[in-house]
Amino acid sequence: MKEIVTYLIKIKDSPFDLYLSNKPMAPEDANYTRNRTRARDFNGLEDASIDMTNHIAIKKTVTESTEYEEIEYD
C-alpha cells in the first residue's frame, strides 16, 4: 500500500477556514482560499517563507491500494 503525506497550511484564528493556496517566497506574497481542495499541498521540502506563528499545519495522508479479485465469467 502506497502512502503519501503532505501538509496544508491554514490560518489559526480566522472566523472561517483560510488555506494557503500558493508557495510564497515572502510573507506578503501569501494567497489564501476558503476552498480546501484549492489549498496547496506542501511536502516540507519547499523553499517557502511562511510564518507559522499565525498558521497551523494540517497533515494530509493519501493511501493508495491495489486489490485483485478473481471472478467467475460465464
Protein backbone atom coordinates (compact mmCIF):
# COMPACT_ATOMS: atom_id res chain seq x y z
CA MET A 1 0.00 0.00 0.00
CA LYS A 2 1.39 3.38 -1.05
CA GLU A 3 1.04 6.32 1.34
CA ILE A 4 1.69 9.99 0.50
CA VAL A 5 1.91 12.56 3.31
CA THR A 6 1.63 16.29 2.62
CA TYR A 7 0.55 19.29 4.67
CA LEU A 8 -1.98 22.07 4.21
CA ILE A 9 -1.33 25.41 5.89
CA LYS A 10 -4.30 27.18 7.49
CA ILE A 11 -4.64 30.50 9.35
CA LYS A 12 -5.13 29.83 13.09
CA ASP A 13 -7.56 32.49 14.29
CA SER A 14 -9.93 33.32 11.46
CA PRO A 15 -13.75 33.46 11.52
CA PHE A 16 -13.69 30.88 8.68
CA ASP A 17 -11.10 28.46 7.30
CA LEU A 18 -8.47 30.09 5.09
CA TYR A 19 -5.90 27.81 3.45
CA LEU A 20 -2.66 28.87 1.79
CA SER A 21 -3.05 28.46 -1.97
CA ASN A 22 0.42 29.35 -3.24
CA LYS A 23 4.11 28.99 -2.40
CA PRO A 24 5.06 32.43 -1.04
CA MET A 25 8.68 33.50 -1.28
CA ALA A 26 7.97 36.36 1.15
CA PRO A 27 5.20 36.62 3.78
CA GLU A 28 3.42 39.43 1.93
CA ASP A 29 3.12 37.21 -1.18
CA ALA A 30 0.77 34.71 0.51
CA ASN A 31 -2.57 34.00 -1.17
CA TYR A 32 -5.44 32.21 0.56
CA THR A 33 -8.56 30.28 -0.39
CA ARG A 34 -11.63 29.17 1.55
CA ASN A 35 -11.85 26.01 -0.59
CA ARG A 36 -9.73 23.21 0.90
CA THR A 37 -9.47 21.47 -2.48
CA ARG A 38 -7.67 24.55 -3.86
CA ALA A 39 -5.19 24.63 -0.98
CA ARG A 40 -1.58 23.96 -1.90
CA ASP A 41 -0.01 20.73 -0.67
CA PHE A 42 3.40 21.11 0.98
CA ASN A 43 5.78 18.21 1.49
CA GLY A 44 8.12 20.12 3.81
CA LEU A 45 10.94 20.49 1.29
CA GLU A 46 9.81 23.70 -0.45
CA ASP A 47 11.66 27.00 -0.21
CA ALA A 48 8.59 28.83 1.02
CA SER A 49 8.59 31.66 3.55
CA ILE A 50 5.68 31.01 5.93
CA ASP A 51 5.48 32.48 9.42
CA MET A 52 3.91 29.58 11.34
CA THR A 53 3.11 31.84 14.31
CA ASN A 54 -0.25 32.68 12.71
CA HIS A 55 -0.72 29.40 10.85
CA ILE A 56 -1.33 25.76 11.63
CA ALA A 57 -0.27 22.72 9.59
CA ILE A 58 -2.83 20.06 8.73
CA LYS A 59 -1.45 16.63 7.88
CA LYS A 60 -2.97 15.13 4.73
CA THR A 61 -2.45 11.39 4.19
CA VAL A 62 -3.47 9.78 0.91
CA THR A 63 -3.41 5.99 0.90
CA GLU A 64 -3.41 4.10 -2.35
CA SER A 65 -4.04 0.39 -2.51
CA THR A 66 -4.45 -2.06 -5.36
CA GLU A 67 -6.66 -5.10 -4.93
CA TYR A 68 -7.04 -8.11 -7.19
CA GLU A 69 -10.00 -10.45 -7.18
CA GLU A 70 -10.74 -13.50 -9.28
CA ILE A 71 -14.24 -13.51 -10.70
CA GLU A 72 -16.38 -16.08 -12.47
CA TYR A 73 -17.10 -15.32 -16.11
CA ASP A 74 -19.90 -17.09 -17.94
